[in-house]
Amino acid sequence: MKSQCFRSVRCLWTVAPFLGAVLALSITGCGSTKQARSVSASGFLGDYSQLKAGSANTDDPLLVYANPNADCKKYKSILLDPVTLWGKADGSSFANLEPADRNFLTTTADKAIRETVAKAGYLVVNTPGSDVMRMRVALTEGGKSNVLMKEISILAPYASGAATVWSEAKGQALFTGDAAFELEILDSVTGERLYAAADKRVGKMDPRNYHSWDDVTESIKAWSERGIKRLTHCRVSGSFVAAPKEKSLSDKIDKYMP
């Protein structure tokens, strides 16, 4: 029966979108989120005048500032502020968030940040000091994905075409989630800004994500991986100004994929 199904044009048309999604995943690798086209300032950082667009075709955040005079080698530890959900006043995605969801997001982000700091070779401390940086982090957007509708848009031929058109217009796959964050690193004593960034990631048409918050948690994971590289570079080279690194092939392909 299965062999007869696959010989029929109708059956092939039915499974083609799913096969296409699987093929796309095999090409682009394991990442189920991608960098968004833009990010909006939430107000968390206060002064955004220093932030500039990240270098094109690199893994920079969408907006970034690296103090050229900062001497990273003098810092051995990081003082972490509690992670906060900082939504914009007008229509924040956090406005009606259930307490359990709020706790899940802040706990997930806090764990990722602590792991990032540790893997980059820094100690987490509770008091300021001359060799201590202070890190402030906020999730500024966080939207759940509609897992059921996302699966339908992948599998159903009548839905996949419309989903592709919508994705190309919006830069985000239909029914997927998204997340944005802002981060600031300061001298814990003087308050001098050493580094600041704002970035946003959106879900891709990935059939492996079964939880409505998966696109958000995968975004946090991607930021953590980039954070480890940036902080390690800071500790080793003494500068937050990282040498531009060209995006991977999968990241370049993501630009054109839903």
C-alpha atoms as a PDB file:
ATOM      1  CA  MET A   1       0.000   0.000   0.000  1.00  0.00           C
ATOM      2  CA  LYS A   2       2.791   2.416   0.859  1.00  0.00           C
ATOM      3  CA  SER A   3       4.603   1.745  -2.427  1.00  0.00           C
ATOM      4  CA  GLN A   4       1.395   2.444  -4.361  1.00  0.00           C
ATOM      5  CA  CYS A   5       0.957   5.677  -2.436  1.00  0.00           C
ATOM      6  CA  PHE A   6       4.409   6.942  -3.301  1.00  0.00           C
ATOM      7  CA  ARG A   7       3.838   6.127  -6.974  1.00  0.00           C
ATOM      8  CA  SER A   8       0.811   8.373  -7.122  1.00  0.00           C
ATOM      9  CA  VAL A   9       1.225  12.027  -8.005  1.00  0.00           C
ATOM     10  CA  ARG A  10      -1.289  13.009  -5.366  1.00  0.00           C
ATOM     11  CA  CYS A  11       0.627  11.314  -2.575  1.00  0.00           C
ATOM     12  CA  LEU A  12       3.916  12.795  -3.689  1.00  0.00           C
ATOM     13  CA  TRP A  13       2.317  16.233  -3.721  1.00  0.00           C
ATOM     14  CA  THR A  14       1.148  15.633  -0.166  1.00  0.00           C
ATOM     15  CA  VAL A  15       4.541  14.650   1.209  1.00  0.00           C
ATOM     16  CA  ALA A  16       6.645  16.981  -0.937  1.00  0.00           C
ATOM     17  CA  PRO A  17       6.551  19.918   1.527  1.00  0.00           C
ATOM     18  CA  PHE A  18       7.681  17.645   4.352  1.00  0.00           C
ATOM     19  CA  LEU A  19      10.483  16.189   2.242  1.00  0.00           C
ATOM     20  CA  GLY A  20      11.503  19.715   1.329  1.00  0.00           C
ATOM     21  CA  ALA A  21      11.660  20.666   4.983  1.00  0.00           C
ATOM     22  CA  VAL A  22      13.806  17.627   5.757  1.00  0.00           C
ATOM     23  CA  LEU A  23      16.118  18.448   2.844  1.00  0.00           C
ATOM     24  CA  ALA A  24      16.436  22.043   4.047  1.00  0.00           C
ATOM     25  CA  LEU A  25      17.361  20.808   7.515  1.00  0.00           C
ATOM     26  CA  SER A  26      20.036  18.517   6.086  1.00  0.00           C
ATOM     27  CA  ILE A  27      21.560  21.468   4.229  1.00  0.00           C
ATOM     28  CA  THR A  28      21.339  24.118   6.927  1.00  0.00           C
ATOM     29  CA  GLY A  29      22.385  21.999   9.884  1.00  0.00           C
ATOM     30  CA  CYS A  30      20.864  21.711  13.331  1.00  0.00           C
ATOM     31  CA  GLY A  31      19.893  25.313  14.067  1.00  0.00           C
ATOM     32  CA  SER A  32      16.131  25.762  14.252  1.00  0.00           C
ATOM     33  CA  THR A  33      16.218  29.569  14.526  1.00  0.00           C
ATOM     34  CA  LYS A  34      17.823  32.332  12.501  1.00  0.00           C
ATOM     35  CA  GLN A  35      18.674  35.984  13.007  1.00  0.00           C
ATOM     36  CA  ALA A  36      15.764  38.317  12.307  1.00  0.00           C
ATOM     37  CA  ARG A  37      15.972  41.159   9.815  1.00  0.00           C
ATOM     38  CA  SER A  38      15.762  43.829  12.502  1.00  0.00           C
ATOM     39  CA  VAL A  39      15.266  44.443  16.216  1.00  0.00           C
ATOM     40  CA  SER A  40      13.449  47.275  18.001  1.00  0.00           C
ATOM     41  CA  ALA A  41      14.882  49.071  21.026  1.00  0.00           C
ATOM     42  CA  SER A  42      12.896  48.276  24.166  1.00  0.00           C
ATOM     43  CA  GLY A  43      14.307  50.955  26.463  1.00  0.00           C
ATOM     44  CA  PHE A  44      16.200  48.499  28.666  1.00  0.00           C
ATOM     45  CA  LEU A  45      19.608  49.843  27.635  1.00  0.00           C
ATOM     46  CA  GLY A  46      18.582  53.460  28.075  1.00  0.00           C
ATOM     47  CA  ASP A  47      21.102  55.055  25.723  1.00  0.00           C
ATOM     48  CA  TYR A  48      21.218  53.457  22.272  1.00  0.00           C
ATOM     49  CA  SER A  49      23.290  56.145  20.572  1.00  0.00           C
ATOM     50  CA  GLN A  50      26.495  54.072  20.731  1.00  0.00           C
ATOM     51  CA  LEU A  51      24.979  50.968  19.165  1.00  0.00           C
ATOM     52  CA  LYS A  52      25.516  50.443  15.449  1.00  0.00           C
ATOM     53  CA  ALA A  53      24.358  47.787  13.009  1.00  0.00           C
ATOM     54  CA  GLY A  54      26.403  44.606  13.253  1.00  0.00           C
ATOM     55  CA  SER A  55      28.738  43.812  10.390  1.00  0.00           C
ATOM     56  CA  ALA A  56      26.973  42.240   7.425  1.00  0.00           C
ATOM     57  CA  ASN A  57      27.699  38.561   6.778  1.00  0.00           C
ATOM     58  CA  THR A  58      29.136  38.059  10.268  1.00  0.00           C
ATOM     59  CA  ASP A  59      27.705  36.563  13.451  1.00  0.00           C
ATOM     60  CA  ASP A  60      27.454  40.010  15.075  1.00  0.00           C
ATOM     61  CA  PRO A  61      24.223  40.951  16.875  1.00  0.00           C
ATOM     62  CA  LEU A  62      21.877  43.184  14.886  1.00  0.00           C
ATOM     63  CA  LEU A  63      22.930  46.145  17.049  1.00  0.00           C
ATOM     64  CA  VAL A  64      26.259  46.203  18.852  1.00  0.00           C
ATOM     65  CA  TYR A  65      28.713  48.454  20.678  1.00  0.00           C
ATOM     66  CA  ALA A  66      32.208  47.439  21.786  1.00  0.00           C
ATOM     67  CA  ASN A  67      34.212  49.973  23.779  1.00  0.00           C
ATOM     68  CA  PRO A  68      37.520  50.265  21.891  1.00  0.00           C
ATOM     69  CA  ASN A  69      39.312  51.391  25.054  1.00  0.00           C
ATOM     70  CA  ALA A  70      38.146  48.571  27.318  1.00  0.00           C
ATOM     71  CA  ASP A  71      40.927  46.365  28.696  1.00  0.00           C
ATOM     72  CA  CYS A  72      39.288  42.982  29.127  1.00  0.00           C
ATOM     73  CA  LYS A  73      42.376  41.341  30.552  1.00  0.00           C
ATOM     74  CA  LYS A  74      41.965  43.222  33.827  1.00  0.00           C
ATOM     75  CA  TYR A  75      38.659  41.461  34.516  1.00  0.00           C
ATOM     76  CA  LYS A  76      38.504  38.018  36.095  1.00  0.00           C
ATOM     77  CA  SER A  77      34.904  37.812  37.281  1.00  0.00           C
ATOM     78  CA  ILE A  78      31.375  38.870  36.334  1.00  0.00           C
ATOM     79  CA  LEU A  79      28.595  40.168  38.570  1.00  0.00           C
ATOM     80  CA  LEU A  80      25.235  39.101  37.111  1.00  0.00           C
ATOM     81  CA  ASP A  81      22.073  41.133  37.523  1.00  0.00           C
ATOM     82  CA  PRO A  82      18.877  39.041  37.640  1.00  0.00           C
ATOM     83  CA  VAL A  83      17.519  38.373  34.151  1.00  0.00           C
ATOM     84  CA  THR A  84      14.418  40.419  33.487  1.00  0.00           C
ATOM     85  CA  LEU A  85      11.576  40.386  30.971  1.00  0.00           C
ATOM     86  CA  TRP A  86      11.520  43.921  29.626  1.00  0.00           C
ATOM     87  CA  GLY A  87       8.700  44.405  27.171  1.00  0.00           C
ATOM     88  CA  LYS A  88       7.872  47.624  25.410  1.00  0.00           C
ATOM     89  CA  ALA A  89       4.883  49.459  26.855  1.00  0.00           C
ATOM     90  CA  ASP A  90       2.902  49.264  23.612  1.00  0.00           C
ATOM     91  CA  GLY A  91       1.722  45.727  22.959  1.00  0.00           C
ATOM     92  CA  SER A  92       4.437  43.758  24.723  1.00  0.00           C
ATOM     93  CA  SER A  93       4.339  40.006  24.175  1.00  0.00           C
ATOM     94  CA  PHE A  94       4.971  39.674  27.924  1.00  0.00           C
ATOM     95  CA  ALA A  95       1.906  41.674  28.970  1.00  0.00           C
ATOM     96  CA  ASN A  96      -0.410  38.701  29.568  1.00  0.00           C
ATOM     97  CA  LEU A  97       2.204  36.052  30.230  1.00  0.00           C
ATOM     98  CA  GLU A  98       1.301  33.408  32.801  1.00  0.00           C
ATOM     99  CA  PRO A  99       3.510  33.344  35.932  1.00  0.00           C
ATOM    100  CA  ALA A 100       4.710  29.834  35.051  1.00  0.00           C
ATOM    101  CA  ASP A 101       5.817  31.015  31.613  1.00  0.00           C
ATOM    102  CA  ARG A 102       7.565  34.064  33.062  1.00  0.00           C
ATOM    103  CA  ASN A 103       9.452  31.853  35.483  1.00  0.00           C
ATOM    104  CA  PHE A 104      10.345  29.395  32.712  1.00  0.00           C
ATOM    105  CA  LEU A 105      11.812  32.124  30.494  1.00  0.00           C
ATOM    106  CA  THR A 106      13.835  33.883  33.194  1.00  0.00           C
ATOM    107  CA  THR A 107      15.106  30.598  34.640  1.00  0.00           C
ATOM    108  CA  THR A 108      16.117  29.309  31.199  1.00  0.00           C
ATOM    109  CA  ALA A 109      17.905  32.547  30.320  1.00  0.00           C
ATOM    110  CA  ASP A 110      19.648  32.782  33.709  1.00  0.00           C
ATOM    111  CA  LYS A 111      20.954  29.223  33.421  1.00  0.00           C
ATOM    112  CA  ALA A 112      22.252  29.885  29.896  1.00  0.00           C
ATOM    113  CA  ILE A 113      24.022  33.083  30.968  1.00  0.00           C
ATOM    114  CA  ARG A 114      25.746  31.396  33.900  1.00  0.00           C
ATOM    115  CA  GLU A 115      26.911  28.570  31.643  1.00  0.00           C
ATOM    116  CA  THR A 116      28.135  31.108  29.076  1.00  0.00           C
ATOM    117  CA  VAL A 117      30.191  32.986  31.654  1.00  0.00           C
ATOM    118  CA  ALA A 118      31.683  29.789  33.082  1.00  0.00           C
ATOM    119  CA  LYS A 119      32.589  28.322  29.675  1.00  0.00           C
ATOM    120  CA  ALA A 120      34.265  31.593  28.704  1.00  0.00           C
ATOM    121  CA  GLY A 121      36.560  31.271  31.726  1.00  0.00           C
ATOM    122  CA  TYR A 122      35.057  33.822  34.136  1.00  0.00           C
ATOM    123  CA  LEU A 123      33.886  33.429  37.723  1.00  0.00           C
ATOM    124  CA  VAL A 124      30.425  34.551  38.815  1.00  0.00           C
ATOM    125  CA  VAL A 125      30.628  36.759  41.922  1.00  0.00           C
ATOM    126  CA  ASN A 126      28.170  38.637  44.130  1.00  0.00           C
ATOM    127  CA  THR A 127      30.066  41.862  44.811  1.00  0.00           C
ATOM    128  CA  PRO A 128      31.642  44.605  42.661  1.00  0.00           C
ATOM    129  CA  GLY A 129      35.396  44.940  42.396  1.00  0.00           C
ATOM    130  CA  SER A 130      38.196  46.426  40.325  1.00  0.00           C
ATOM    131  CA  ASP A 131      38.520  43.178  38.358  1.00  0.00           C
ATOM    132  CA  VAL A 132      34.770  42.543  38.061  1.00  0.00           C
ATOM    133  CA  MET A 133      32.449  43.258  35.144  1.00  0.00           C
ATOM    134  CA  ARG A 134      28.725  43.701  35.660  1.00  0.00           C
ATOM    135  CA  MET A 135      26.331  42.101  33.180  1.00  0.00           C
ATOM    136  CA  ARG A 136      22.712  43.166  32.635  1.00  0.00           C
ATOM    137  CA  VAL A 137      20.461  41.040  30.420  1.00  0.00           C
ATOM    138  CA  ALA A 138      16.810  41.289  29.441  1.00  0.00           C
ATOM    139  CA  LEU A 139      14.556  39.292  27.182  1.00  0.00           C
ATOM    140  CA  THR A 140      12.659  42.017  25.349  1.00  0.00           C
ATOM    141  CA  GLU A 141      10.459  39.854  23.138  1.00  0.00           C
ATOM    142  CA  GLY A 142       9.305  36.273  23.426  1.00  0.00           C
ATOM    143  CA  GLY A 143       6.573  34.770  21.299  1.00  0.00           C
ATOM    144  CA  LYS A 144       5.358  31.191  21.411  1.00  0.00           C
ATOM    145  CA  SER A 145       5.047  29.140  18.259  1.00  0.00           C
ATOM    146  CA  ASN A 146       1.790  27.471  17.260  1.00  0.00           C
ATOM    147  CA  VAL A 147       3.182  23.955  16.987  1.00  0.00           C
ATOM    148  CA  LEU A 148       0.065  22.368  15.478  1.00  0.00           C
ATOM    149  CA  MET A 149      -0.428  25.013  12.803  1.00  0.00           C
ATOM    150  CA  LYS A 150       3.295  25.018  12.002  1.00  0.00           C
ATOM    151  CA  GLU A 151       3.187  21.278  11.350  1.00  0.00           C
ATOM    152  CA  ILE A 152       0.122  21.717   9.138  1.00  0.00           C
ATOM    153  CA  SER A 153       1.816  24.455   7.129  1.00  0.00           C
ATOM    154  CA  ILE A 154       4.781  22.118   6.540  1.00  0.00           C
ATOM    155  CA  LEU A 155       2.763  19.053   5.590  1.00  0.00           C
ATOM    156  CA  ALA A 156      -0.312  20.410   3.825  1.00  0.00           C
ATOM    157  CA  PRO A 157       0.251  21.378   0.173  1.00  0.00           C
ATOM    158  CA  TYR A 158      -2.528  23.960   0.235  1.00  0.00           C
ATOM    159  CA  ALA A 159      -0.940  25.698   3.229  1.00  0.00           C
ATOM    160  CA  SER A 160       2.752  25.502   2.372  1.00  0.00           C
ATOM    161  CA  GLY A 161       2.531  27.910  -0.566  1.00  0.00           C
ATOM    162  CA  ALA A 162       0.765  30.580   1.462  1.00  0.00           C
ATOM    163  CA  ALA A 163       3.204  30.050   4.324  1.00  0.00           C
ATOM    164  CA  THR A 164       6.155  30.634   1.993  1.00  0.00           C
ATOM    165  CA  VAL A 165       4.697  33.890   0.662  1.00  0.00           C
ATOM    166  CA  TRP A 166       4.026  35.117   4.217  1.00  0.00           C
ATOM    167  CA  SER A 167       7.524  34.102   5.338  1.00  0.00           C
ATOM    168  CA  GLU A 168       9.229  35.964   2.514  1.00  0.00           C
ATOM    169  CA  ALA A 169       7.264  39.109   3.326  1.00  0.00           C
ATOM    170  CA  LYS A 170       7.831  38.985   7.089  1.00  0.00           C
ATOM    171  CA  GLY A 171      11.244  37.324   7.277  1.00  0.00           C
ATOM    172  CA  GLN A 172       9.857  34.708   9.647  1.00  0.00           C
ATOM    173  CA  ALA A 173       8.221  31.336   9.060  1.00  0.00           C
ATOM    174  CA  LEU A 174       4.482  31.258   9.671  1.00  0.00           C
ATOM    175  CA  PHE A 175       3.314  30.099  13.125  1.00  0.00           C
ATOM    176  CA  THR A 176       6.854  30.113  14.537  1.00  0.00           C
ATOM    177  CA  GLY A 177       8.043  31.838  17.694  1.00  0.00           C
ATOM    178  CA  ASP A 178      10.577  34.616  18.174  1.00  0.00           C
ATOM    179  CA  ALA A 179      12.777  36.138  20.845  1.00  0.00           C
ATOM    180  CA  ALA A 180      14.806  39.300  21.345  1.00  0.00           C
ATOM    181  CA  PHE A 181      17.328  40.269  23.974  1.00  0.00           C
ATOM    182  CA  GLU A 182      19.387  43.235  25.074  1.00  0.00           C
ATOM    183  CA  LEU A 183      22.638  43.009  26.996  1.00  0.00           C
ATOM    184  CA  GLU A 184      25.008  45.454  28.624  1.00  0.00           C
ATOM    185  CA  ILE A 185      28.391  44.837  30.244  1.00  0.00           C
ATOM    186  CA  LEU A 186      29.769  47.528  32.548  1.00  0.00           C
ATOM    187  CA  ASP A 187      32.745  48.105  34.792  1.00  0.00           C
ATOM    188  CA  SER A 188      31.240  47.105  38.142  1.00  0.00           C
ATOM    189  CA  VAL A 189      32.903  50.024  39.976  1.00  0.00           C
ATOM    190  CA  THR A 190      32.858  52.962  37.546  1.00  0.00           C
ATOM    191  CA  GLY A 191      29.775  51.983  35.532  1.00  0.00           C
ATOM    192  CA  GLU A 192      31.616  52.545  32.244  1.00  0.00           C
ATOM    193  CA  ARG A 193      29.937  50.731  29.374  1.00  0.00           C
ATOM    194  CA  LEU A 194      32.232  48.076  27.943  1.00  0.00           C
ATOM    195  CA  TYR A 195      29.846  46.301  25.582  1.00  0.00           C
ATOM    196  CA  ALA A 196      26.192  46.415  24.578  1.00  0.00           C
ATOM    197  CA  ALA A 197      24.064  44.477  22.129  1.00  0.00           C
ATOM    198  CA  ALA A 198      20.521  43.908  20.934  1.00  0.00           C
ATOM    199  CA  ASP A 199      19.480  40.991  18.784  1.00  0.00           C
ATOM    200  CA  LYS A 200      16.424  39.073  17.651  1.00  0.00           C
ATOM    201  CA  ARG A 201      15.949  35.553  16.363  1.00  0.00           C
ATOM    202  CA  VAL A 202      12.954  33.880  14.754  1.00  0.00           C
ATOM    203  CA  GLY A 203      11.902  30.288  14.292  1.00  0.00           C
ATOM    204  CA  LYS A 204      12.403  28.368  11.084  1.00  0.00           C
ATOM    205  CA  MET A 205      10.051  25.811   9.563  1.00  0.00           C
ATOM    206  CA  ASP A 206      11.545  23.035  11.678  1.00  0.00           C
ATOM    207  CA  PRO A 207       9.338  19.955  12.289  1.00  0.00           C
ATOM    208  CA  ARG A 208      11.561  18.886  15.213  1.00  0.00           C
ATOM    209  CA  ASN A 209      10.308  21.615  17.575  1.00  0.00           C
ATOM    210  CA  TYR A 210       7.395  20.198  19.534  1.00  0.00           C
ATOM    211  CA  HIS A 211       7.145  22.661  22.428  1.00  0.00           C
ATOM    212  CA  SER A 212       5.576  26.092  21.991  1.00  0.00           C
ATOM    213  CA  TRP A 213       8.608  27.765  23.608  1.00  0.00           C
ATOM    214  CA  ASP A 214      11.210  25.813  21.594  1.00  0.00           C
ATOM    215  CA  ASP A 215      11.979  28.699  19.229  1.00  0.00           C
ATOM    216  CA  VAL A 216      12.697  30.936  22.220  1.00  0.00           C
ATOM    217  CA  THR A 217      14.883  28.407  24.028  1.00  0.00           C
ATOM    218  CA  GLU A 218      16.776  27.656  20.796  1.00  0.00           C
ATOM    219  CA  SER A 219      17.356  31.393  20.352  1.00  0.00           C
ATOM    220  CA  ILE A 220      18.787  31.592  23.865  1.00  0.00           C
ATOM    221  CA  LYS A 221      21.052  28.650  23.039  1.00  0.00           C
ATOM    222  CA  ALA A 222      22.310  30.377  19.877  1.00  0.00           C
ATOM    223  CA  TRP A 223      23.034  33.589  21.797  1.00  0.00           C
ATOM    224  CA  SER A 224      24.878  31.591  24.451  1.00  0.00           C
ATOM    225  CA  GLU A 225      27.144  30.000  21.834  1.00  0.00           C
ATOM    226  CA  ARG A 226      28.002  33.410  20.397  1.00  0.00           C
ATOM    227  CA  GLY A 227      28.440  34.856  23.880  1.00  0.00           C
ATOM    228  CA  ILE A 228      31.015  32.227  24.786  1.00  0.00           C
ATOM    229  CA  LYS A 229      33.069  33.154  21.722  1.00  0.00           C
ATOM    230  CA  ARG A 230      32.820  36.896  22.388  1.00  0.00           C
ATOM    231  CA  LEU A 231      33.725  36.656  26.086  1.00  0.00           C
ATOM    232  CA  THR A 232      36.550  34.213  25.403  1.00  0.00           C
ATOM    233  CA  HIS A 233      37.951  36.579  22.783  1.00  0.00           C
ATOM    234  CA  CYS A 234      37.679  39.389  25.327  1.00  0.00           C
ATOM    235  CA  ARG A 235      39.534  37.433  28.003  1.00  0.00           C
ATOM    236  CA  VAL A 236      42.302  36.242  25.670  1.00  0.00           C
ATOM    237  CA  SER A 237      42.833  39.284  23.442  1.00  0.00           C
ATOM    238  CA  GLY A 238      41.898  42.004  25.925  1.00  0.00           C
ATOM    239  CA  SER A 239      39.295  43.557  23.627  1.00  0.00           C
ATOM    240  CA  PHE A 240      35.550  43.280  23.026  1.00  0.00           C
ATOM    241  CA  VAL A 241      36.157  44.354  19.440  1.00  0.00           C
ATOM    242  CA  ALA A 242      36.129  40.942  17.810  1.00  0.00           C
ATOM    243  CA  ALA A 243      37.583  40.352  14.375  1.00  0.00           C
ATOM    244  CA  PRO A 244      34.674  39.941  11.929  1.00  0.00           C
ATOM    245  CA  LYS A 245      33.953  36.292  11.279  1.00  0.00           C
ATOM    246  CA  GLU A 246      32.111  35.365   8.127  1.00  0.00           C
ATOM    247  CA  LYS A 247      28.753  33.684   8.594  1.00  0.00           C
ATOM    248  CA  SER A 248      28.595  29.953   8.081  1.00  0.00           C
ATOM    249  CA  LEU A 249      27.046  28.499   4.936  1.00  0.00           C
ATOM    250  CA  SER A 250      23.967  27.454   6.909  1.00  0.00           C
ATOM    251  CA  ASP A 251      23.465  31.004   8.207  1.00  0.00           C
ATOM    252  CA  LYS A 252      23.745  32.384   4.683  1.00  0.00           C
ATOM    253  CA  ILE A 253      21.188  29.869   3.409  1.00  0.00           C
ATOM    254  CA  ASP A 254      18.860  30.750   6.313  1.00  0.00           C
ATOM    255  CA  LYS A 255      18.456  34.222   4.849  1.00  0.00           C
ATOM    256  CA  TYR A 256      16.496  32.715   1.977  1.00  0.00           C
ATOM    257  CA  MET A 257      14.672  29.960   3.868  1.00  0.00           C
ATOM    258  CA  PRO A 258      11.361  30.215   5.794  1.00  0.00           C
END
